[in-house]
Amino acid sequence: MMKHVNAGIIGLGRAGQMHLRNLMTIPEINIIQVADVFIDKISGKLNDLGVTNQTTDYHELLSNPDIDTVFVFTSTDTHEQIVTDAANAGKNIFCEKPLSMSHDEEASLDVLRAVKKNNVKLQIGFNRRMDPQFRTIFENVREGKIGTPQMVKITSRDPDLLPHDLIQRIGGLLQDFTMHDFDMARYMMGSDISEVYAKGGTLIDPTLKDIDDVDTLALVLQFENGAFGVIDNSRRAVYGYDQRVEVFGSEGMLKAENVNNSTVELYNDKREELKKPLPMFQKRYKEAYTEEMKAFVDSILNDTPLVAQGSDVIMAQRVANAAKKSLDTGLPQKVNTKFSLD
């Protein structure tokens, strides 16, 4: 008989609805109940999907004894409280990154202490670790295919700007978008980031200054093992969702280019033509989103290692906070690489 995870879903905004559909494709998951403060606005859609047990109060979901696992897809500013409540309710937890937008990490550490105290699993949604292309690079680096990794280069560019009110709920460019890149850099290099130097500005939307954010970033990283990293970010790439990774080592290089709708390239005497990158994160990382959920379920049912855990999100948040300080001061900033819940 197949083992199952009995799940509750908290947060059904744009990303949450995407995740819900992905979760419904995984046979080991039974969706018992969903919660969202604006559930009335999407109740009809949920009913059409067969998800009829709905509530506006996530506490009701957490008190449901039939639920053993919760998936948290709410805005970042709610993560610490909801994950703490879920841990104290004895539920295993999947939570989108990051845990917090705060520069004071003590509250995030308290969340992880609650997870540890209640002996539940917490996986963080660093989905790019499960992207097939990036995963292949990671495995090849671990297998020594390029010798000792010396440099990682990451390009991440969104196709368009986000509304200011959304940015204030999920975090600025560093805390929301670049957070994935900090994690990817650590993941690829197998070493913590010990220093970051960031330069950024508002080359696209000057009004972002009003909410203390930027739309264009260039960052230089140094790792604890002495290697280096380079990240470039933009909030608007007019040609699509630009996602590339390269790892250079003592014996070679690995790189992953953009994913396009077609691999066909046209060359003639008038022009060269190839398809643009996929337009949005939902399509680009569709497989990665599903695979990270499958890996989490496998961790619960078979006690396999978590893909990304609490210490990973703390390290990424530390780099983001140090990068923000670097932006503000114009100086490189050291990053604490020691982690302990004691």
C-alpha atoms as a PDB file:
ATOM      1  CA  MET A   1       0.000   0.000   0.000  1.00  0.00           C
ATOM      2  CA  MET A   2       1.325   3.456  -0.931  1.00  0.00           C
ATOM      3  CA  LYS A   3       2.239   5.690   1.991  1.00  0.00           C
ATOM      4  CA  HIS A   4       0.772   9.183   1.971  1.00  0.00           C
ATOM      5  CA  VAL A   5       1.356  12.662   3.333  1.00  0.00           C
ATOM      6  CA  ASN A   6      -1.832  14.343   4.561  1.00  0.00           C
ATOM      7  CA  ALA A   7      -1.318  17.983   3.732  1.00  0.00           C
ATOM      8  CA  GLY A   8      -2.670  21.425   4.428  1.00  0.00           C
ATOM      9  CA  ILE A   9      -1.829  24.413   2.246  1.00  0.00           C
ATOM     10  CA  ILE A  10      -1.509  27.918   3.677  1.00  0.00           C
ATOM     11  CA  GLY A  11      -1.470  30.781   1.177  1.00  0.00           C
ATOM     12  CA  LEU A  12      -3.127  30.603  -2.240  1.00  0.00           C
ATOM     13  CA  GLY A  13      -2.006  33.710  -4.066  1.00  0.00           C
ATOM     14  CA  ARG A  14      -0.395  33.582  -7.492  1.00  0.00           C
ATOM     15  CA  ALA A  15       2.453  31.291  -6.419  1.00  0.00           C
ATOM     16  CA  GLY A  16       0.290  29.300  -4.017  1.00  0.00           C
ATOM     17  CA  GLN A  17      -2.207  28.377  -6.728  1.00  0.00           C
ATOM     18  CA  MET A  18       0.649  27.259  -8.974  1.00  0.00           C
ATOM     19  CA  HIS A  19       2.064  25.091  -6.179  1.00  0.00           C
ATOM     20  CA  LEU A  20      -1.392  23.654  -5.442  1.00  0.00           C
ATOM     21  CA  ARG A  21      -1.715  22.399  -9.002  1.00  0.00           C
ATOM     22  CA  ASN A  22       1.755  20.882  -8.849  1.00  0.00           C
ATOM     23  CA  LEU A  23       1.023  19.180  -5.526  1.00  0.00           C
ATOM     24  CA  MET A  24      -2.124  17.668  -6.985  1.00  0.00           C
ATOM     25  CA  THR A  25       0.031  15.753  -9.499  1.00  0.00           C
ATOM     26  CA  ILE A  26       1.941  13.927  -6.740  1.00  0.00           C
ATOM     27  CA  PRO A  27       0.065  10.731  -5.797  1.00  0.00           C
ATOM     28  CA  GLU A  28       1.649  10.495  -2.333  1.00  0.00           C
ATOM     29  CA  ILE A  29      -0.007  13.771  -1.257  1.00  0.00           C
ATOM     30  CA  ASN A  30      -3.557  13.990   0.061  1.00  0.00           C
ATOM     31  CA  ILE A  31      -4.681  17.614   0.283  1.00  0.00           C
ATOM     32  CA  ILE A  32      -6.933  17.741   3.341  1.00  0.00           C
ATOM     33  CA  GLN A  33      -7.546  21.467   3.779  1.00  0.00           C
ATOM     34  CA  VAL A  34      -6.444  24.860   2.449  1.00  0.00           C
ATOM     35  CA  ALA A  35      -6.285  28.291   4.081  1.00  0.00           C
ATOM     36  CA  ASP A  36      -6.038  31.830   2.772  1.00  0.00           C
ATOM     37  CA  VAL A  37      -7.217  35.124   4.260  1.00  0.00           C
ATOM     38  CA  PHE A  38      -8.856  35.941   0.893  1.00  0.00           C
ATOM     39  CA  ILE A  39     -10.304  32.462   0.345  1.00  0.00           C
ATOM     40  CA  ASP A  40     -13.678  33.880  -0.749  1.00  0.00           C
ATOM     41  CA  LYS A  41     -12.081  35.410  -3.857  1.00  0.00           C
ATOM     42  CA  ILE A  42     -10.747  32.059  -5.084  1.00  0.00           C
ATOM     43  CA  SER A  43     -13.272  29.630  -3.585  1.00  0.00           C
ATOM     44  CA  GLY A  44     -14.874  28.926  -6.952  1.00  0.00           C
ATOM     45  CA  LYS A  45     -11.532  28.033  -8.559  1.00  0.00           C
ATOM     46  CA  LEU A  46     -10.717  25.714  -5.668  1.00  0.00           C
ATOM     47  CA  ASN A  47     -14.090  24.002  -5.878  1.00  0.00           C
ATOM     48  CA  ASP A  48     -13.490  23.382  -9.588  1.00  0.00           C
ATOM     49  CA  LEU A  49     -10.247  21.631  -8.627  1.00  0.00           C
ATOM     50  CA  GLY A  50     -12.073  19.503  -6.062  1.00  0.00           C
ATOM     51  CA  VAL A  51     -10.505  21.317  -3.093  1.00  0.00           C
ATOM     52  CA  THR A  52     -13.595  22.039  -1.013  1.00  0.00           C
ATOM     53  CA  ASN A  53     -12.307  22.098   2.584  1.00  0.00           C
ATOM     54  CA  GLN A  54     -11.404  25.779   2.809  1.00  0.00           C
ATOM     55  CA  THR A  55     -10.818  28.257   5.631  1.00  0.00           C
ATOM     56  CA  THR A  56      -9.657  31.831   6.114  1.00  0.00           C
ATOM     57  CA  ASP A  57      -7.872  30.958   9.375  1.00  0.00           C
ATOM     58  CA  TYR A  58      -4.671  28.937   9.144  1.00  0.00           C
ATOM     59  CA  HIS A  59      -4.918  28.162  12.872  1.00  0.00           C
ATOM     60  CA  GLU A  60      -7.994  26.060  12.084  1.00  0.00           C
ATOM     61  CA  LEU A  61      -5.920  24.116   9.567  1.00  0.00           C
ATOM     62  CA  LEU A  62      -3.093  23.609  12.069  1.00  0.00           C
ATOM     63  CA  SER A  63      -5.534  22.245  14.646  1.00  0.00           C
ATOM     64  CA  ASN A  64      -6.830  19.637  12.188  1.00  0.00           C
ATOM     65  CA  PRO A  65      -5.582  16.272  13.529  1.00  0.00           C
ATOM     66  CA  ASP A  66      -5.830  14.678  10.080  1.00  0.00           C
ATOM     67  CA  ILE A  67      -3.064  16.957   8.749  1.00  0.00           C
ATOM     68  CA  ASP A  68       0.571  15.958   9.342  1.00  0.00           C
ATOM     69  CA  THR A  69       2.291  18.338   6.882  1.00  0.00           C
ATOM     70  CA  VAL A  70       1.766  21.954   5.849  1.00  0.00           C
ATOM     71  CA  PHE A  71       2.951  23.866   2.799  1.00  0.00           C
ATOM     72  CA  VAL A  72       3.411  27.595   3.438  1.00  0.00           C
ATOM     73  CA  PHE A  73       3.071  29.859   0.385  1.00  0.00           C
ATOM     74  CA  THR A  74       2.141  33.133   2.073  1.00  0.00           C
ATOM     75  CA  SER A  75       4.022  36.426   1.733  1.00  0.00           C
ATOM     76  CA  THR A  76       7.466  36.549   3.322  1.00  0.00           C
ATOM     77  CA  ASP A  77       6.424  38.881   6.122  1.00  0.00           C
ATOM     78  CA  THR A  78       4.243  36.089   7.591  1.00  0.00           C
ATOM     79  CA  HIS A  79       6.660  33.157   7.374  1.00  0.00           C
ATOM     80  CA  GLU A  80       8.253  33.321  10.815  1.00  0.00           C
ATOM     81  CA  GLN A  81       4.944  33.282  12.681  1.00  0.00           C
ATOM     82  CA  ILE A  82       3.225  30.651  10.557  1.00  0.00           C
ATOM     83  CA  VAL A  83       6.199  28.268  10.533  1.00  0.00           C
ATOM     84  CA  THR A  84       6.581  28.623  14.313  1.00  0.00           C
ATOM     85  CA  ASP A  85       2.876  27.906  14.830  1.00  0.00           C
ATOM     86  CA  ALA A  86       3.070  24.911  12.491  1.00  0.00           C
ATOM     87  CA  ALA A  87       6.111  23.492  14.292  1.00  0.00           C
ATOM     88  CA  ASN A  88       4.411  23.900  17.661  1.00  0.00           C
ATOM     89  CA  ALA A  89       1.392  22.088  16.222  1.00  0.00           C
ATOM     90  CA  GLY A  90       3.665  19.141  15.380  1.00  0.00           C
ATOM     91  CA  LYS A  91       3.402  19.479  11.586  1.00  0.00           C
ATOM     92  CA  ASN A  92       6.155  18.901   9.053  1.00  0.00           C
ATOM     93  CA  ILE A  93       6.653  22.095   7.053  1.00  0.00           C
ATOM     94  CA  PHE A  94       7.565  23.183   3.561  1.00  0.00           C
ATOM     95  CA  CYS A  95       8.072  26.944   3.407  1.00  0.00           C
ATOM     96  CA  GLU A  96       8.961  29.209   0.537  1.00  0.00           C
ATOM     97  CA  LYS A  97      12.163  31.188   1.032  1.00  0.00           C
ATOM     98  CA  PRO A  98      13.144  33.241   2.927  1.00  0.00           C
ATOM     99  CA  LEU A  99      12.033  32.874   6.524  1.00  0.00           C
ATOM    100  CA  SER A 100      12.361  36.596   7.152  1.00  0.00           C
ATOM    101  CA  MET A 101      13.126  39.996   5.662  1.00  0.00           C
ATOM    102  CA  SER A 102      14.589  41.202   8.971  1.00  0.00           C
ATOM    103  CA  HIS A 103      18.231  42.147   9.407  1.00  0.00           C
ATOM    104  CA  ASP A 104      18.020  40.609  12.898  1.00  0.00           C
ATOM    105  CA  GLU A 105      18.216  36.852  12.406  1.00  0.00           C
ATOM    106  CA  GLU A 106      17.360  35.934  16.014  1.00  0.00           C
ATOM    107  CA  ALA A 107      13.654  35.553  15.173  1.00  0.00           C
ATOM    108  CA  SER A 108      14.525  33.176  12.322  1.00  0.00           C
ATOM    109  CA  LEU A 109      16.761  31.175  14.639  1.00  0.00           C
ATOM    110  CA  ASP A 110      13.847  30.955  17.089  1.00  0.00           C
ATOM    111  CA  VAL A 111      11.765  29.442  14.276  1.00  0.00           C
ATOM    112  CA  LEU A 112      14.419  26.793  13.701  1.00  0.00           C
ATOM    113  CA  ARG A 113      14.606  26.125  17.440  1.00  0.00           C
ATOM    114  CA  ALA A 114      10.844  25.479  17.442  1.00  0.00           C
ATOM    115  CA  VAL A 115      11.314  23.075  14.520  1.00  0.00           C
ATOM    116  CA  LYS A 116      14.079  21.246  16.353  1.00  0.00           C
ATOM    117  CA  LYS A 117      12.206  21.165  19.688  1.00  0.00           C
ATOM    118  CA  ASN A 118       9.112  19.628  18.090  1.00  0.00           C
ATOM    119  CA  ASN A 119      11.149  17.151  16.026  1.00  0.00           C
ATOM    120  CA  VAL A 120       9.473  18.075  12.728  1.00  0.00           C
ATOM    121  CA  LYS A 121      10.973  18.476   9.279  1.00  0.00           C
ATOM    122  CA  LEU A 122      11.355  21.873   7.619  1.00  0.00           C
ATOM    123  CA  GLN A 123      12.299  22.182   3.957  1.00  0.00           C
ATOM    124  CA  ILE A 124      12.952  25.598   2.443  1.00  0.00           C
ATOM    125  CA  GLY A 125      11.756  26.324  -1.094  1.00  0.00           C
ATOM    126  CA  PHE A 126      15.063  26.821  -2.864  1.00  0.00           C
ATOM    127  CA  ASN A 127      13.557  25.186  -5.932  1.00  0.00           C
ATOM    128  CA  ARG A 128      16.466  25.925  -8.270  1.00  0.00           C
ATOM    129  CA  ARG A 129      18.464  23.182  -6.541  1.00  0.00           C
ATOM    130  CA  MET A 130      16.072  20.729  -8.206  1.00  0.00           C
ATOM    131  CA  ASP A 131      16.163  22.250 -11.696  1.00  0.00           C
ATOM    132  CA  PRO A 132      17.438  19.431 -13.974  1.00  0.00           C
ATOM    133  CA  GLN A 133      20.094  21.613 -15.633  1.00  0.00           C
ATOM    134  CA  PHE A 134      21.442  23.103 -12.411  1.00  0.00           C
ATOM    135  CA  ARG A 135      21.251  19.738 -10.653  1.00  0.00           C
ATOM    136  CA  THR A 136      23.380  18.199 -13.411  1.00  0.00           C
ATOM    137  CA  ILE A 137      26.019  20.906 -12.952  1.00  0.00           C
ATOM    138  CA  PHE A 138      25.957  20.372  -9.179  1.00  0.00           C
ATOM    139  CA  GLU A 139      26.428  16.599  -9.546  1.00  0.00           C
ATOM    140  CA  ASN A 140      29.237  17.002 -12.091  1.00  0.00           C
ATOM    141  CA  VAL A 141      31.050  19.455  -9.814  1.00  0.00           C
ATOM    142  CA  ARG A 142      30.710  17.016  -6.900  1.00  0.00           C
ATOM    143  CA  GLU A 143      32.076  14.212  -9.108  1.00  0.00           C
ATOM    144  CA  GLY A 144      35.189  16.275  -9.880  1.00  0.00           C
ATOM    145  CA  LYS A 145      34.470  16.656 -13.603  1.00  0.00           C
ATOM    146  CA  ILE A 146      35.976  20.182 -13.636  1.00  0.00           C
ATOM    147  CA  GLY A 147      38.544  19.678 -10.892  1.00  0.00           C
ATOM    148  CA  THR A 148      38.506  22.202  -8.062  1.00  0.00           C
ATOM    149  CA  PRO A 149      35.768  24.827  -8.559  1.00  0.00           C
ATOM    150  CA  GLN A 150      37.280  28.312  -8.592  1.00  0.00           C
ATOM    151  CA  MET A 151      34.543  30.621  -9.893  1.00  0.00           C
ATOM    152  CA  VAL A 152      30.753  30.612 -10.197  1.00  0.00           C
ATOM    153  CA  LYS A 153      28.898  33.105 -12.407  1.00  0.00           C
ATOM    154  CA  ILE A 154      25.132  33.531 -12.102  1.00  0.00           C
ATOM    155  CA  THR A 155      22.802  35.653 -14.202  1.00  0.00           C
ATOM    156  CA  SER A 156      19.218  36.161 -12.984  1.00  0.00           C
ATOM    157  CA  ARG A 157      16.992  38.697 -14.713  1.00  0.00           C
ATOM    158  CA  ASP A 158      13.240  38.992 -14.322  1.00  0.00           C
ATOM    159  CA  PRO A 159      11.083  39.839 -17.342  1.00  0.00           C
ATOM    160  CA  ASP A 160       9.350  42.809 -15.721  1.00  0.00           C
ATOM    161  CA  LEU A 161       8.897  44.994 -12.655  1.00  0.00           C
ATOM    162  CA  LEU A 162       6.793  44.057  -9.642  1.00  0.00           C
ATOM    163  CA  PRO A 163       4.273  46.384  -7.933  1.00  0.00           C
ATOM    164  CA  HIS A 164       5.719  48.325  -5.004  1.00  0.00           C
ATOM    165  CA  ASP A 165       3.168  46.974  -2.507  1.00  0.00           C
ATOM    166  CA  LEU A 166       4.118  43.399  -3.418  1.00  0.00           C
ATOM    167  CA  ILE A 167       7.835  44.143  -3.051  1.00  0.00           C
ATOM    168  CA  GLN A 168       7.202  45.476   0.450  1.00  0.00           C
ATOM    169  CA  ARG A 169       5.480  42.206   1.432  1.00  0.00           C
ATOM    170  CA  ILE A 170       7.994  39.799  -0.092  1.00  0.00           C
ATOM    171  CA  GLY A 171      11.237  41.770   0.199  1.00  0.00           C
ATOM    172  CA  GLY A 172      13.362  43.841  -2.157  1.00  0.00           C
ATOM    173  CA  LEU A 173      15.515  42.564  -4.987  1.00  0.00           C
ATOM    174  CA  LEU A 174      18.213  41.230  -2.654  1.00  0.00           C
ATOM    175  CA  GLN A 175      15.898  39.504  -0.198  1.00  0.00           C
ATOM    176  CA  ASP A 176      13.421  38.073  -2.673  1.00  0.00           C
ATOM    177  CA  PHE A 177      15.140  37.556  -6.019  1.00  0.00           C
ATOM    178  CA  THR A 178      18.881  37.438  -5.319  1.00  0.00           C
ATOM    179  CA  MET A 179      18.268  35.153  -2.317  1.00  0.00           C
ATOM    180  CA  HIS A 180      17.941  32.289  -4.825  1.00  0.00           C
ATOM    181  CA  ASP A 181      21.302  33.211  -6.349  1.00  0.00           C
ATOM    182  CA  PHE A 182      23.082  33.313  -3.007  1.00  0.00           C
ATOM    183  CA  ASP A 183      21.782  29.839  -2.287  1.00  0.00           C
ATOM    184  CA  MET A 184      22.700  28.605  -5.764  1.00  0.00           C
ATOM    185  CA  ALA A 185      26.236  29.957  -5.367  1.00  0.00           C
ATOM    186  CA  ARG A 186      26.702  28.109  -2.041  1.00  0.00           C
ATOM    187  CA  TYR A 187      25.117  24.990  -3.509  1.00  0.00           C
ATOM    188  CA  MET A 188      27.369  24.894  -6.559  1.00  0.00           C
ATOM    189  CA  MET A 189      30.616  25.726  -4.782  1.00  0.00           C
ATOM    190  CA  GLY A 190      30.082  23.569  -1.694  1.00  0.00           C
ATOM    191  CA  SER A 191      31.313  26.409   0.491  1.00  0.00           C
ATOM    192  CA  ASP A 192      29.807  29.248   2.499  1.00  0.00           C
ATOM    193  CA  ILE A 193      30.021  32.853   1.308  1.00  0.00           C
ATOM    194  CA  SER A 194      32.388  34.746   3.606  1.00  0.00           C
ATOM    195  CA  GLU A 195      32.326  38.197   1.957  1.00  0.00           C
ATOM    196  CA  VAL A 196      30.083  40.116  -0.426  1.00  0.00           C
ATOM    197  CA  TYR A 197      30.496  43.378  -2.326  1.00  0.00           C
ATOM    198  CA  ALA A 198      27.380  44.813  -3.961  1.00  0.00           C
ATOM    199  CA  LYS A 199      26.738  47.698  -6.319  1.00  0.00           C
ATOM    200  CA  GLY A 200      23.201  48.543  -7.372  1.00  0.00           C
ATOM    201  CA  GLY A 201      20.928  51.250  -8.660  1.00  0.00           C
ATOM    202  CA  THR A 202      17.598  52.160 -10.182  1.00  0.00           C
ATOM    203  CA  LEU A 203      18.357  52.134 -13.894  1.00  0.00           C
ATOM    204  CA  ILE A 204      14.827  51.014 -14.821  1.00  0.00           C
ATOM    205  CA  ASP A 205      12.422  52.468 -12.244  1.00  0.00           C
ATOM    206  CA  PRO A 206      13.756  55.441 -10.226  1.00  0.00           C
ATOM    207  CA  THR A 207      10.659  55.348  -7.971  1.00  0.00           C
ATOM    208  CA  LEU A 208      12.026  52.186  -6.348  1.00  0.00           C
ATOM    209  CA  LYS A 209      14.221  54.544  -4.322  1.00  0.00           C
ATOM    210  CA  ASP A 210      11.035  55.501  -2.461  1.00  0.00           C
ATOM    211  CA  ILE A 211      10.874  51.988  -0.937  1.00  0.00           C
ATOM    212  CA  ASP A 212      14.657  51.601  -0.532  1.00  0.00           C
ATOM    213  CA  ASP A 213      15.031  49.094  -3.358  1.00  0.00           C
ATOM    214  CA  VAL A 214      17.051  48.732  -6.559  1.00  0.00           C
ATOM    215  CA  ASP A 215      16.352  47.162  -9.943  1.00  0.00           C
ATOM    216  CA  THR A 216      19.909  46.453 -11.133  1.00  0.00           C
ATOM    217  CA  LEU A 217      22.616  44.660  -9.150  1.00  0.00           C
ATOM    218  CA  ALA A 218      26.204  43.485  -9.596  1.00  0.00           C
ATOM    219  CA  LEU A 219      27.766  41.427  -6.810  1.00  0.00           C
ATOM    220  CA  VAL A 220      31.163  39.888  -6.123  1.00  0.00           C
ATOM    221  CA  LEU A 221      31.373  37.001  -3.644  1.00  0.00           C
ATOM    222  CA  GLN A 222      34.257  35.355  -1.870  1.00  0.00           C
ATOM    223  CA  PHE A 223      33.790  31.875  -0.427  1.00  0.00           C
ATOM    224  CA  GLU A 224      35.228  30.407   2.725  1.00  0.00           C
ATOM    225  CA  ASN A 225      37.379  28.079   0.615  1.00  0.00           C
ATOM    226  CA  GLY A 226      38.922  31.040  -1.271  1.00  0.00           C
ATOM    227  CA  ALA A 227      36.878  30.716  -4.489  1.00  0.00           C
ATOM    228  CA  PHE A 228      34.939  33.596  -6.038  1.00  0.00           C
ATOM    229  CA  GLY A 229      31.495  34.305  -7.433  1.00  0.00           C
ATOM    230  CA  VAL A 230      29.867  36.925  -9.656  1.00  0.00           C
ATOM    231  CA  ILE A 231      26.107  37.598  -9.771  1.00  0.00           C
ATOM    232  CA  ASP A 232      24.212  40.041 -11.970  1.00  0.00           C
ATOM    233  CA  ASN A 233      20.515  40.817 -11.528  1.00  0.00           C
ATOM    234  CA  SER A 234      17.945  42.935 -13.304  1.00  0.00           C
ATOM    235  CA  ARG A 235      14.234  43.434 -12.777  1.00  0.00           C
ATOM    236  CA  ARG A 236      13.547  43.797 -16.512  1.00  0.00           C
ATOM    237  CA  ALA A 237      14.928  41.668 -19.328  1.00  0.00           C
ATOM    238  CA  VAL A 238      12.771  42.584 -22.333  1.00  0.00           C
ATOM    239  CA  TYR A 239      13.471  39.221 -24.021  1.00  0.00           C
ATOM    240  CA  GLY A 240      12.223  36.914 -21.232  1.00  0.00           C
ATOM    241  CA  TYR A 241      13.247  35.191 -18.007  1.00  0.00           C
ATOM    242  CA  ASP A 242      17.057  35.085 -18.107  1.00  0.00           C
ATOM    243  CA  GLN A 243      18.553  32.329 -15.912  1.00  0.00           C
ATOM    244  CA  ARG A 244      22.111  31.109 -16.455  1.00  0.00           C
ATOM    245  CA  VAL A 245      24.787  29.449 -14.324  1.00  0.00           C
ATOM    246  CA  GLU A 246      28.455  28.745 -15.017  1.00  0.00           C
ATOM    247  CA  VAL A 247      30.999  26.995 -12.789  1.00  0.00           C
ATOM    248  CA  PHE A 248      34.691  27.247 -13.735  1.00  0.00           C
ATOM    249  CA  GLY A 249      37.280  24.916 -12.247  1.00  0.00           C
ATOM    250  CA  SER A 250      40.904  23.824 -12.424  1.00  0.00           C
ATOM    251  CA  GLU A 251      40.115  21.218 -15.086  1.00  0.00           C
ATOM    252  CA  GLY A 252      37.221  22.675 -17.040  1.00  0.00           C
ATOM    253  CA  MET A 253      33.898  24.488 -17.041  1.00  0.00           C
ATOM    254  CA  LEU A 254      30.214  23.636 -16.732  1.00  0.00           C
ATOM    255  CA  LYS A 255      27.420  25.960 -17.778  1.00  0.00           C
ATOM    256  CA  ALA A 256      23.650  25.975 -18.166  1.00  0.00           C
ATOM    257  CA  GLU A 257      22.095  28.370 -20.668  1.00  0.00           C
ATOM    258  CA  ASN A 258      18.536  29.674 -20.771  1.00  0.00           C
ATOM    259  CA  VAL A 259      15.638  27.316 -21.382  1.00  0.00           C
ATOM    260  CA  ASN A 260      13.743  28.246 -24.560  1.00  0.00           C
ATOM    261  CA  ASN A 261      10.495  27.117 -26.155  1.00  0.00           C
ATOM    262  CA  SER A 262      12.519  25.515 -28.936  1.00  0.00           C
ATOM    263  CA  THR A 263      16.110  24.398 -29.545  1.00  0.00           C
ATOM    264  CA  VAL A 264      15.806  25.244 -33.258  1.00  0.00           C
ATOM    265  CA  GLU A 265      18.092  28.011 -34.503  1.00  0.00           C
ATOM    266  CA  LEU A 266      17.666  29.645 -37.925  1.00  0.00           C
ATOM    267  CA  TYR A 267      20.684  30.896 -39.899  1.00  0.00           C
ATOM    268  CA  ASN A 268      20.475  32.409 -43.384  1.00  0.00           C
ATOM    269  CA  ASP A 269      22.004  35.243 -45.394  1.00  0.00           C
ATOM    270  CA  LYS A 270      19.684  37.805 -43.811  1.00  0.00           C
ATOM    271  CA  ARG A 271      19.710  36.981 -40.091  1.00  0.00           C
ATOM    272  CA  GLU A 272      20.300  34.571 -37.265  1.00  0.00           C
ATOM    273  CA  GLU A 273      17.276  33.652 -35.187  1.00  0.00           C
ATOM    274  CA  LEU A 274      16.500  31.561 -32.134  1.00  0.00           C
ATOM    275  CA  LYS A 275      13.622  31.446 -29.669  1.00  0.00           C
ATOM    276  CA  LYS A 276      13.590  33.778 -26.679  1.00  0.00           C
ATOM    277  CA  PRO A 277      13.899  32.357 -23.146  1.00  0.00           C
ATOM    278  CA  LEU A 278      10.726  31.198 -21.421  1.00  0.00           C
ATOM    279  CA  PRO A 279       8.714  34.211 -20.263  1.00  0.00           C
ATOM    280  CA  MET A 280       8.108  33.550 -16.535  1.00  0.00           C
ATOM    281  CA  PHE A 281       9.358  31.597 -13.534  1.00  0.00           C
ATOM    282  CA  GLN A 282       6.255  29.347 -13.479  1.00  0.00           C
ATOM    283  CA  LYS A 283       7.197  27.821 -16.839  1.00  0.00           C
ATOM    284  CA  ARG A 284      10.984  27.956 -16.453  1.00  0.00           C
ATOM    285  CA  TYR A 285      11.007  26.108 -13.136  1.00  0.00           C
ATOM    286  CA  LYS A 286       7.841  24.006 -13.463  1.00  0.00           C
ATOM    287  CA  GLU A 287       9.769  20.731 -13.172  1.00  0.00           C
ATOM    288  CA  ALA A 288      11.934  22.047 -10.340  1.00  0.00           C
ATOM    289  CA  TYR A 289       8.892  23.089  -8.302  1.00  0.00           C
ATOM    290  CA  THR A 290       7.401  19.603  -8.601  1.00  0.00           C
ATOM    291  CA  GLU A 291      10.681  17.828  -7.921  1.00  0.00           C
ATOM    292  CA  GLU A 292      11.352  19.779  -4.723  1.00  0.00           C
ATOM    293  CA  MET A 293       7.901  18.780  -3.427  1.00  0.00           C
ATOM    294  CA  LYS A 294       8.538  15.141  -4.320  1.00  0.00           C
ATOM    295  CA  ALA A 295      11.868  15.280  -2.501  1.00  0.00           C
ATOM    296  CA  PHE A 296      10.177  16.738   0.597  1.00  0.00           C
ATOM    297  CA  VAL A 297       7.540  13.990   0.581  1.00  0.00           C
ATOM    298  CA  ASP A 298      10.305  11.396   0.219  1.00  0.00           C
ATOM    299  CA  SER A 299      12.081  12.937   3.205  1.00  0.00           C
ATOM    300  CA  ILE A 300       8.921  12.611   5.314  1.00  0.00           C
ATOM    301  CA  LEU A 301       7.992   9.095   4.213  1.00  0.00           C
ATOM    302  CA  ASN A 302      11.481   7.574   3.897  1.00  0.00           C
ATOM    303  CA  ASP A 303      13.665   9.888   6.007  1.00  0.00           C
ATOM    304  CA  THR A 304      15.878  10.908   3.084  1.00  0.00           C
ATOM    305  CA  PRO A 305      17.911  14.138   3.450  1.00  0.00           C
ATOM    306  CA  LEU A 306      16.110  17.435   2.963  1.00  0.00           C
ATOM    307  CA  VAL A 307      16.981  19.296  -0.248  1.00  0.00           C
ATOM    308  CA  ALA A 308      17.342  22.644   1.572  1.00  0.00           C
ATOM    309  CA  GLN A 309      17.022  23.061   5.307  1.00  0.00           C
ATOM    310  CA  GLY A 310      16.925  25.793   7.926  1.00  0.00           C
ATOM    311  CA  SER A 311      20.662  26.415   8.013  1.00  0.00           C
ATOM    312  CA  ASP A 312      20.627  27.016   4.248  1.00  0.00           C
ATOM    313  CA  VAL A 313      18.073  29.805   4.498  1.00  0.00           C
ATOM    314  CA  ILE A 314      19.934  31.423   7.408  1.00  0.00           C
ATOM    315  CA  MET A 315      23.125  31.512   5.349  1.00  0.00           C
ATOM    316  CA  ALA A 316      21.337  33.011   2.339  1.00  0.00           C
ATOM    317  CA  GLN A 317      19.624  35.620   4.527  1.00  0.00           C
ATOM    318  CA  ARG A 318      22.972  36.575   6.067  1.00  0.00           C
ATOM    319  CA  VAL A 319      24.467  37.193   2.636  1.00  0.00           C
ATOM    320  CA  ALA A 320      21.429  39.236   1.568  1.00  0.00           C
ATOM    321  CA  ASN A 321      21.678  41.388   4.696  1.00  0.00           C
ATOM    322  CA  ALA A 322      25.431  41.856   4.222  1.00  0.00           C
ATOM    323  CA  ALA A 323      24.865  42.759   0.563  1.00  0.00           C
ATOM    324  CA  LYS A 324      22.312  45.397   1.599  1.00  0.00           C
ATOM    325  CA  LYS A 325      24.870  46.861   4.007  1.00  0.00           C
ATOM    326  CA  SER A 326      27.427  46.831   1.192  1.00  0.00           C
ATOM    327  CA  LEU A 327      24.987  48.737  -1.033  1.00  0.00           C
ATOM    328  CA  ASP A 328      24.437  51.316   1.697  1.00  0.00           C
ATOM    329  CA  THR A 329      28.111  51.779   2.620  1.00  0.00           C
ATOM    330  CA  GLY A 330      29.838  51.149  -0.697  1.00  0.00           C
ATOM    331  CA  LEU A 331      32.178  48.699   1.056  1.00  0.00           C
ATOM    332  CA  PRO A 332      32.633  44.905   1.007  1.00  0.00           C
ATOM    333  CA  GLN A 333      31.032  43.174   4.003  1.00  0.00           C
ATOM    334  CA  LYS A 334      32.099  40.054   5.868  1.00  0.00           C
ATOM    335  CA  VAL A 335      29.522  37.308   6.366  1.00  0.00           C
ATOM    336  CA  ASN A 336      29.337  35.114   9.465  1.00  0.00           C
ATOM    337  CA  THR A 337      29.668  31.471   8.320  1.00  0.00           C
ATOM    338  CA  LYS A 338      29.197  29.891  11.749  1.00  0.00           C
ATOM    339  CA  PHE A 339      25.793  28.329  12.439  1.00  0.00           C
ATOM    340  CA  SER A 340      24.422  27.067  15.748  1.00  0.00           C
ATOM    341  CA  LEU A 341      21.016  26.887  17.446  1.00  0.00           C
ATOM    342  CA  ASP A 342      22.587  26.584  20.907  1.00  0.00           C
END
